[in-house]
PDB file of N, CA and C in Angstrom:
ATOM      1  N   MET A   1     191.078  89.446  51.239  1.00  0.00           N
ATOM      2  CA  MET A   1     192.402  89.445  51.633  1.00  0.00           C
ATOM      3  C   MET A   1     193.397  90.168  50.399  1.00  0.00           C
ATOM      4  N   PRO A   2     192.961  89.991  49.248  1.00  0.00           N
ATOM      5  CA  PRO A   2     193.814  90.685  48.361  1.00  0.00           C
ATOM      6  C   PRO A   2     193.553  92.116  48.579  1.00  0.00           C
ATOM      7  N   ALA A   3     192.469  92.944  49.042  1.00  0.00           N
ATOM      8  CA  ALA A   3     192.639  94.012  49.145  1.00  0.00           C
ATOM      9  C   ALA A   3     193.446  94.637  50.320  1.00  0.00           C
ATOM     10  N   PHE A   4     193.598  93.670  51.505  1.00  0.00           N
ATOM     11  CA  PHE A   4     194.736  93.859  52.467  1.00  0.00           C
ATOM     12  C   PHE A   4     195.777  94.171  51.830  1.00  0.00           C
ATOM     13  N   ILE A   5     196.272  93.023  51.080  1.00  0.00           N
ATOM     14  CA  ILE A   5     197.660  92.961  50.595  1.00  0.00           C
ATOM     15  C   ILE A   5     197.931  93.925  49.814  1.00  0.00           C
ATOM     16  N   TYR A   6     197.309  94.317  48.772  1.00  0.00           N
ATOM     17  CA  TYR A   6     197.314  95.436  47.707  1.00  0.00           C
ATOM     18  C   TYR A   6     197.508  96.628  48.719  1.00  0.00           C
ATOM     19  N   SER A   7     196.618  96.920  49.776  1.00  0.00           N
ATOM     20  CA  SER A   7     196.989  98.272  50.511  1.00  0.00           C
ATOM     21  C   SER A   7     197.957  98.228  50.950  1.00  0.00           C
ATOM     22  N   LEU A   8     198.530  97.121  51.705  1.00  0.00           N
ATOM     23  CA  LEU A   8     199.849  97.168  52.449  1.00  0.00           C
ATOM     24  C   LEU A   8     200.987  97.420  51.506  1.00  0.00           C
ATOM     25  N   CYS A   9     201.005  96.703  50.295  1.00  0.00           N
ATOM     26  CA  CYS A   9     201.811  97.358  49.135  1.00  0.00           C
ATOM     27  C   CYS A   9     202.030  98.747  48.782  1.00  0.00           C
ATOM     28  N   ALA A  10     200.741  99.221  48.700  1.00  0.00           N
ATOM     29  CA  ALA A  10     200.813 100.774  48.398  1.00  0.00           C
ATOM     30  C   ALA A  10     201.118 101.686  49.372  1.00  0.00           C
ATOM     31  N   ILE A  11     200.994 101.291  50.744  1.00  0.00           N
ATOM     32  CA  ILE A  11     201.210 101.961  51.893  1.00  0.00           C
ATOM     33  C   ILE A  11     202.904 102.054  51.888  1.00  0.00           C
ATOM     34  N   THR A  12     203.380 100.693  51.773  1.00  0.00           N
ATOM     35  CA  THR A  12     204.746 100.490  51.904  1.00  0.00           C
ATOM     36  C   THR A  12     205.632 101.138  50.888  1.00  0.00           C
ATOM     37  N   SER A  13     205.057 101.319  49.482  1.00  0.00           N
ATOM     38  CA  SER A  13     205.849 102.229  48.538  1.00  0.00           C
ATOM     39  C   SER A  13     205.474 103.644  48.801  1.00  0.00           C
ATOM     40  N   MET A  14     204.449 104.126  49.173  1.00  0.00           N
ATOM     41  CA  MET A  14     204.258 105.772  49.962  1.00  0.00           C
ATOM     42  C   MET A  14     205.349 105.779  51.133  1.00  0.00           C
ATOM     43  N   LEU A  15     205.430 104.883  51.944  1.00  0.00           N
ATOM     44  CA  LEU A  15     206.512 104.925  53.062  1.00  0.00           C
ATOM     45  C   LEU A  15     207.956 105.008  52.397  1.00  0.00           C
ATOM     46  N   CYS A  16     208.268 104.184  51.539  1.00  0.00           N
ATOM     47  CA  CYS A  16     209.392 104.325  50.894  1.00  0.00           C
ATOM     48  C   CYS A  16     209.791 105.651  50.081  1.00  0.00           C
ATOM     49  N   THR A  17     208.709 106.004  49.463  1.00  0.00           N
ATOM     50  CA  THR A  17     208.743 107.429  48.720  1.00  0.00           C
ATOM     51  C   THR A  17     209.110 108.315  49.870  1.00  0.00           C
ATOM     52  N   TRP A  18     208.326 108.588  50.925  1.00  0.00           N
ATOM     53  CA  TRP A  18     208.592 109.724  51.899  1.00  0.00           C
ATOM     54  C   TRP A  18     210.153 109.500  52.490  1.00  0.00           C
ATOM     55  N   MET A  19     210.479 108.214  52.842  1.00  0.00           N
ATOM     56  CA  MET A  19     211.665 108.045  53.583  1.00  0.00           C
ATOM     57  C   MET A  19     212.877 108.602  52.408  1.00  0.00           C
ATOM     58  N   LEU A  20     212.716 108.023  51.331  1.00  0.00           N
ATOM     59  CA  LEU A  20     213.916 108.447  50.356  1.00  0.00           C
ATOM     60  C   LEU A  20     213.977 109.953  50.161  1.00  0.00           C
ATOM     61  N   LEU A  21     212.790 110.558  49.779  1.00  0.00           N
ATOM     62  CA  LEU A  21     213.199 112.110  49.447  1.00  0.00           C
ATOM     63  C   LEU A  21     213.240 112.758  50.733  1.00  0.00           C
ATOM     64  N   ARG A  22     213.000 112.285  52.135  1.00  0.00           N
ATOM     65  CA  ARG A  22     213.382 112.956  53.263  1.00  0.00           C
ATOM     66  C   ARG A  22     214.786 112.802  53.467  1.00  0.00           C
ATOM     67  N   ALA A  23     215.584 111.757  53.044  1.00  0.00           N
ATOM     68  CA  ALA A  23     216.850 111.569  52.978  1.00  0.00           C
ATOM     69  C   ALA A  23     217.581 112.100  52.112  1.00  0.00           C
ATOM     70  N   TYR A  24     217.251 112.347  50.886  1.00  0.00           N
ATOM     71  CA  TYR A  24     217.654 113.160  49.768  1.00  0.00           C
ATOM     72  C   TYR A  24     217.602 114.557  50.266  1.00  0.00           C
ATOM     73  N   ARG A  25     216.257 115.175  50.862  1.00  0.00           N
ATOM     74  CA  ARG A  25     216.610 116.446  51.281  1.00  0.00           C
ATOM     75  C   ARG A  25     217.692 116.847  52.546  1.00  0.00           C
ATOM     76  N   ARG A  26     217.962 115.794  53.167  1.00  0.00           N
ATOM     77  CA  ARG A  26     218.735 115.875  54.206  1.00  0.00           C
ATOM     78  C   ARG A  26     220.326 115.836  53.998  1.00  0.00           C
ATOM     79  N   ASN A  27     220.747 114.881  52.907  1.00  0.00           N
ATOM     80  CA  ASN A  27     221.884 114.345  52.641  1.00  0.00           C
ATOM     81  C   ASN A  27     222.433 114.933  51.022  1.00  0.00           C
ATOM     82  N   GLY A  28     221.364 115.192  50.375  1.00  0.00           N
ATOM     83  CA  GLY A  28     221.454 115.585  49.113  1.00  0.00           C
ATOM     84  C   GLY A  28     222.213 114.647  47.959  1.00  0.00           C
ATOM     85  N   TYR A  29     222.144 113.646  48.374  1.00  0.00           N
ATOM     86  CA  TYR A  29     222.481 112.357  47.328  1.00  0.00           C
ATOM     87  C   TYR A  29     221.637 112.099  46.378  1.00  0.00           C
ATOM     88  N   ARG A  30     221.954 112.354  44.896  1.00  0.00           N
ATOM     89  CA  ARG A  30     220.905 112.560  43.762  1.00  0.00           C
ATOM     90  C   ARG A  30     220.276 111.161  43.660  1.00  0.00           C
ATOM     91  N   LEU A  31     221.203 109.993  43.928  1.00  0.00           N
ATOM     92  CA  LEU A  31     220.354 108.704  43.734  1.00  0.00           C
ATOM     93  C   LEU A  31     219.295 108.361  44.432  1.00  0.00           C
ATOM     94  N   LEU A  32     219.391 109.090  45.780  1.00  0.00           N
ATOM     95  CA  LEU A  32     217.995 109.147  46.809  1.00  0.00           C
ATOM     96  C   LEU A  32     216.804 109.705  46.113  1.00  0.00           C
ATOM     97  N   PHE A  33     217.331 110.799  45.379  1.00  0.00           N
ATOM     98  CA  PHE A  33     216.042 111.868  44.637  1.00  0.00           C
ATOM     99  C   PHE A  33     215.724 110.690  43.413  1.00  0.00           C
ATOM    100  N   TRP A  34     216.449 110.320  42.922  1.00  0.00           N
ATOM    101  CA  TRP A  34     215.804 109.216  41.431  1.00  0.00           C
ATOM    102  C   TRP A  34     215.211 108.140  42.156  1.00  0.00           C
ATOM    103  N   SER A  35     215.768 107.460  43.077  1.00  0.00           N
ATOM    104  CA  SER A  35     214.864 106.276  43.832  1.00  0.00           C
ATOM    105  C   SER A  35     213.456 106.865  44.237  1.00  0.00           C
ATOM    106  N   GLY A  36     213.716 108.066  44.891  1.00  0.00           N
ATOM    107  CA  GLY A  36     212.473 108.642  45.338  1.00  0.00           C
ATOM    108  C   GLY A  36     211.426 108.768  44.368  1.00  0.00           C
ATOM    109  N   LEU A  37     211.730 109.392  43.022  1.00  0.00           N
ATOM    110  CA  LEU A  37     211.037 109.574  42.182  1.00  0.00           C
ATOM    111  C   LEU A  37     210.151 108.225  41.632  1.00  0.00           C
ATOM    112  N   CYS A  38     211.184 107.016  41.465  1.00  0.00           N
ATOM    113  CA  CYS A  38     210.730 105.636  41.174  1.00  0.00           C
ATOM    114  C   CYS A  38     209.713 105.288  41.980  1.00  0.00           C
ATOM    115  N   PHE A  39     210.025 105.485  43.520  1.00  0.00           N
ATOM    116  CA  PHE A  39     208.883 104.956  44.179  1.00  0.00           C
ATOM    117  C   PHE A  39     207.769 105.774  44.309  1.00  0.00           C
ATOM    118  N   THR A  40     207.880 107.086  43.799  1.00  0.00           N
ATOM    119  CA  THR A  40     206.574 107.696  43.529  1.00  0.00           C
ATOM    120  C   THR A  40     205.644 107.258  42.493  1.00  0.00           C
ATOM    121  N   GLY A  41     206.445 106.969  41.520  1.00  0.00           N
ATOM    122  CA  GLY A  41     205.831 106.352  40.652  1.00  0.00           C
ATOM    123  C   GLY A  41     205.059 104.789  40.798  1.00  0.00           C
ATOM    124  N   MET A  42     205.653 104.011  41.568  1.00  0.00           N
ATOM    125  CA  MET A  42     205.234 102.809  42.063  1.00  0.00           C
ATOM    126  C   MET A  42     204.114 103.255  42.872  1.00  0.00           C
ATOM    127  N   SER A  43     204.141 104.211  43.608  1.00  0.00           N
ATOM    128  CA  SER A  43     202.916 104.119  44.458  1.00  0.00           C
ATOM    129  C   SER A  43     201.827 104.544  43.605  1.00  0.00           C
ATOM    130  N   VAL A  44     202.031 105.325  42.521  1.00  0.00           N
ATOM    131  CA  VAL A  44     200.786 105.464  41.544  1.00  0.00           C
ATOM    132  C   VAL A  44     200.466 104.265  41.217  1.00  0.00           C
ATOM    133  N   ASN A  45     201.544 103.437  40.665  1.00  0.00           N
ATOM    134  CA  ASN A  45     201.063 102.230  40.041  1.00  0.00           C
ATOM    135  C   ASN A  45     200.420 101.251  41.149  1.00  0.00           C
ATOM    136  N   ASN A  46     200.593 101.169  42.151  1.00  0.00           N
ATOM    137  CA  ASN A  46     199.802 100.381  43.210  1.00  0.00           C
ATOM    138  C   ASN A  46     198.387 100.670  43.463  1.00  0.00           C
ATOM    139  N   ILE A  47     198.170 102.181  43.624  1.00  0.00           N
ATOM    140  CA  ILE A  47     196.995 102.799  43.686  1.00  0.00           C
ATOM    141  C   ILE A  47     196.339 102.214  42.430  1.00  0.00           C
ATOM    142  N   LEU A  48     196.869 102.353  41.478  1.00  0.00           N
ATOM    143  CA  LEU A  48     196.056 101.960  39.889  1.00  0.00           C
ATOM    144  C   LEU A  48     195.772 100.316  40.202  1.00  0.00           C
ATOM    145  N   LEU A  49     196.374  99.636  40.663  1.00  0.00           N
ATOM    146  CA  LEU A  49     196.331  98.269  41.018  1.00  0.00           C
ATOM    147  C   LEU A  49     194.940  97.885  42.069  1.00  0.00           C
ATOM    148  N   ILE A  50     194.954  98.795  43.333  1.00  0.00           N
ATOM    149  CA  ILE A  50     193.859  98.806  43.875  1.00  0.00           C
ATOM    150  C   ILE A  50     192.349  99.000  43.349  1.00  0.00           C
ATOM    151  N   LEU A  51     192.746 100.411  42.214  1.00  0.00           N
ATOM    152  CA  LEU A  51     191.491 100.490  41.659  1.00  0.00           C
ATOM    153  C   LEU A  51     190.916  99.425  40.641  1.00  0.00           C
ATOM    154  N   ASP A  52     191.995  98.822  40.027  1.00  0.00           N
ATOM    155  CA  ASP A  52     191.602  97.876  38.974  1.00  0.00           C
ATOM    156  C   ASP A  52     191.213  96.614  39.357  1.00  0.00           C
ATOM    157  N   ARG A  53     191.710  96.114  40.407  1.00  0.00           N
ATOM    158  CA  ARG A  53     191.156  94.750  40.879  1.00  0.00           C
ATOM    159  C   ARG A  53     189.946  94.885  42.001  1.00  0.00           C
ATOM    160  N   ILE A  54     190.047  95.937  42.870  1.00  0.00           N
ATOM    161  CA  ILE A  54     189.251  96.130  43.904  1.00  0.00           C
ATOM    162  C   ILE A  54     187.850  96.896  43.655  1.00  0.00           C
ATOM    163  N   VAL A  55     188.340  98.031  43.105  1.00  0.00           N
ATOM    164  CA  VAL A  55     187.132  99.130  43.106  1.00  0.00           C
ATOM    165  C   VAL A  55     186.523  98.711  41.802  1.00  0.00           C
ATOM    166  N   PHE A  56     187.196  98.720  40.547  1.00  0.00           N
ATOM    167  CA  PHE A  56     186.580  98.518  39.332  1.00  0.00           C
ATOM    168  C   PHE A  56     187.063  97.112  38.532  1.00  0.00           C
ATOM    169  N   PRO A  57     186.570  96.171  39.485  1.00  0.00           N
ATOM    170  CA  PRO A  57     186.959  94.726  39.134  1.00  0.00           C
ATOM    171  C   PRO A  57     186.587  94.244  37.537  1.00  0.00           C
ATOM    172  N   THR A  58     185.476  94.704  37.326  1.00  0.00           N
ATOM    173  CA  THR A  58     184.801  94.197  35.648  1.00  0.00           C
ATOM    174  C   THR A  58     184.508  95.331  34.916  1.00  0.00           C
ATOM    175  N   SER A  59     184.498  96.512  35.332  1.00  0.00           N
ATOM    176  CA  SER A  59     183.765  97.648  34.602  1.00  0.00           C
ATOM    177  C   SER A  59     184.833  98.259  33.684  1.00  0.00           C
ATOM    178  N   VAL A  60     186.103  98.669  34.475  1.00  0.00           N
ATOM    179  CA  VAL A  60     187.362  99.159  34.030  1.00  0.00           C
ATOM    180  C   VAL A  60     188.246  98.328  33.494  1.00  0.00           C
ATOM    181  N   ASP A  61     189.041  98.732  32.689  1.00  0.00           N
ATOM    182  CA  ASP A  61     190.382  97.925  32.401  1.00  0.00           C
ATOM    183  C   ASP A  61     191.508  98.940  32.563  1.00  0.00           C
ATOM    184  N   LEU A  62     192.552  98.728  33.647  1.00  0.00           N
ATOM    185  CA  LEU A  62     193.289  99.593  33.992  1.00  0.00           C
ATOM    186  C   LEU A  62     194.698  99.030  33.649  1.00  0.00           C
ATOM    187  N   ILE A  63     194.855  97.958  33.157  1.00  0.00           N
ATOM    188  CA  ILE A  63     195.999  97.449  32.861  1.00  0.00           C
ATOM    189  C   ILE A  63     196.919  98.155  31.945  1.00  0.00           C
ATOM    190  N   PRO A  64     196.466  98.912  30.899  1.00  0.00           N
ATOM    191  CA  PRO A  64     197.419  99.733  30.123  1.00  0.00           C
ATOM    192  C   PRO A  64     197.920 100.736  30.936  1.00  0.00           C
ATOM    193  N   TRP A  65     197.297 101.416  31.762  1.00  0.00           N
ATOM    194  CA  TRP A  65     197.546 102.585  32.641  1.00  0.00           C
ATOM    195  C   TRP A  65     198.620 102.094  33.697  1.00  0.00           C
ATOM    196  N   ARG A  66     198.276 100.753  34.176  1.00  0.00           N
ATOM    197  CA  ARG A  66     199.331 100.450  35.227  1.00  0.00           C
ATOM    198  C   ARG A  66     200.727  99.986  34.739  1.00  0.00           C
ATOM    199  N   LEU A  67     200.468  99.485  33.372  1.00  0.00           N
ATOM    200  CA  LEU A  67     201.730  99.115  32.855  1.00  0.00           C
ATOM    201  C   LEU A  67     202.555 100.437  32.389  1.00  0.00           C
ATOM    202  N   ALA A  68     201.930 101.467  31.944  1.00  0.00           N
ATOM    203  CA  ALA A  68     202.435 102.687  31.688  1.00  0.00           C
ATOM    204  C   ALA A  68     203.251 103.408  33.016  1.00  0.00           C
ATOM    205  N   SER A  69     202.509 103.476  34.015  1.00  0.00           N
ATOM    206  CA  SER A  69     202.848 103.977  35.019  1.00  0.00           C
ATOM    207  C   SER A  69     204.046 103.383  35.724  1.00  0.00           C
ATOM    208  N   ALA A  70     204.086 101.966  35.486  1.00  0.00           N
ATOM    209  CA  ALA A  70     205.272 101.225  36.000  1.00  0.00           C
ATOM    210  C   ALA A  70     206.709 101.687  35.031  1.00  0.00           C
ATOM    211  N   LEU A  71     206.351 101.715  33.785  1.00  0.00           N
ATOM    212  CA  LEU A  71     207.536 102.180  33.015  1.00  0.00           C
ATOM    213  C   LEU A  71     208.052 103.445  33.118  1.00  0.00           C
ATOM    214  N   ILE A  72     206.974 104.674  33.387  1.00  0.00           N
ATOM    215  CA  ILE A  72     207.351 106.014  33.605  1.00  0.00           C
ATOM    216  C   ILE A  72     208.103 105.865  35.178  1.00  0.00           C
ATOM    217  N   ALA A  73     207.725 105.149  36.026  1.00  0.00           N
ATOM    218  CA  ALA A  73     208.276 104.919  37.234  1.00  0.00           C
ATOM    219  C   ALA A  73     209.705 104.627  37.589  1.00  0.00           C
ATOM    220  N   LEU A  74     209.963 103.695  36.448  1.00  0.00           N
ATOM    221  CA  LEU A  74     211.544 103.098  36.432  1.00  0.00           C
ATOM    222  C   LEU A  74     212.227 103.943  35.408  1.00  0.00           C
ATOM    223  N   LEU A  75     211.868 104.652  34.675  1.00  0.00           N
ATOM    224  CA  LEU A  75     212.684 105.705  33.665  1.00  0.00           C
ATOM    225  C   LEU A  75     213.595 106.734  34.608  1.00  0.00           C
ATOM    226  N   PRO A  76     212.960 107.360  35.697  1.00  0.00           N
ATOM    227  CA  PRO A  76     214.001 108.198  36.554  1.00  0.00           C
ATOM    228  C   PRO A  76     215.020 107.458  36.852  1.00  0.00           C
ATOM    229  N   LEU A  77     214.805 106.342  37.584  1.00  0.00           N
ATOM    230  CA  LEU A  77     215.805 105.721  38.250  1.00  0.00           C
ATOM    231  C   LEU A  77     216.958 105.262  37.289  1.00  0.00           C
ATOM    232  N   LEU A  78     216.496 104.631  35.905  1.00  0.00           N
ATOM    233  CA  LEU A  78     217.333 104.372  35.037  1.00  0.00           C
ATOM    234  C   LEU A  78     218.329 105.138  34.578  1.00  0.00           C
ATOM    235  N   TYR A  79     217.668 106.715  34.582  1.00  0.00           N
ATOM    236  CA  TYR A  79     218.479 107.708  34.353  1.00  0.00           C
ATOM    237  C   TYR A  79     219.403 108.113  35.248  1.00  0.00           C
ATOM    238  N   GLY A  80     218.827 108.059  36.379  1.00  0.00           N
ATOM    239  CA  GLY A  80     219.823 108.070  37.689  1.00  0.00           C
ATOM    240  C   GLY A  80     220.913 107.180  37.605  1.00  0.00           C
ATOM    241  N   LEU A  81     220.675 106.094  37.374  1.00  0.00           N
ATOM    242  CA  LEU A  81     221.832 104.878  37.525  1.00  0.00           C
ATOM    243  C   LEU A  81     222.566 105.060  36.340  1.00  0.00           C
ATOM    244  N   ILE A  82     222.528 105.461  34.837  1.00  0.00           N
ATOM    245  CA  ILE A  82     223.269 105.381  34.122  1.00  0.00           C
ATOM    246  C   ILE A  82     223.783 106.940  33.891  1.00  0.00           C
ATOM    247  N   TRP A  83     223.346 108.059  34.273  1.00  0.00           N
ATOM    248  CA  TRP A  83     223.888 109.398  33.757  1.00  0.00           C
ATOM    249  C   TRP A  83     224.456 109.955  35.161  1.00  0.00           C
ATOM    250  N   GLU A  84     224.054 109.489  36.231  1.00  0.00           N
ATOM    251  CA  GLU A  84     224.719 110.419  37.337  1.00  0.00           C
ATOM    252  C   GLU A  84     225.889 109.692  37.852  1.00  0.00           C
ATOM    253  N   GLU A  85     226.690 110.171  38.661  1.00  0.00           N
ATOM    254  CA  GLU A  85     227.922 109.808  39.180  1.00  0.00           C
ATOM    255  C   GLU A  85     228.133 109.199  40.244  1.00  0.00           C
TER     256      GLU A  85
END
């Protein structure tokens, strides 16, 4: 069951990435671009979660990589919220 839920989270974040970047390309609103970049990083984070918990449960510890990817994912959105008008 956890594998199913982790997979749904990854698919949902990839779908959000696709919809946000497609809307940015169509409308040109910069906040959509920064949100799309954030969800791209969150998709990577969810893939690392699947690798950490399901594929390599005991042999590899990916928690530092997951935390780093979450931080890197939030930085573009934070930049967009602070500096963009």
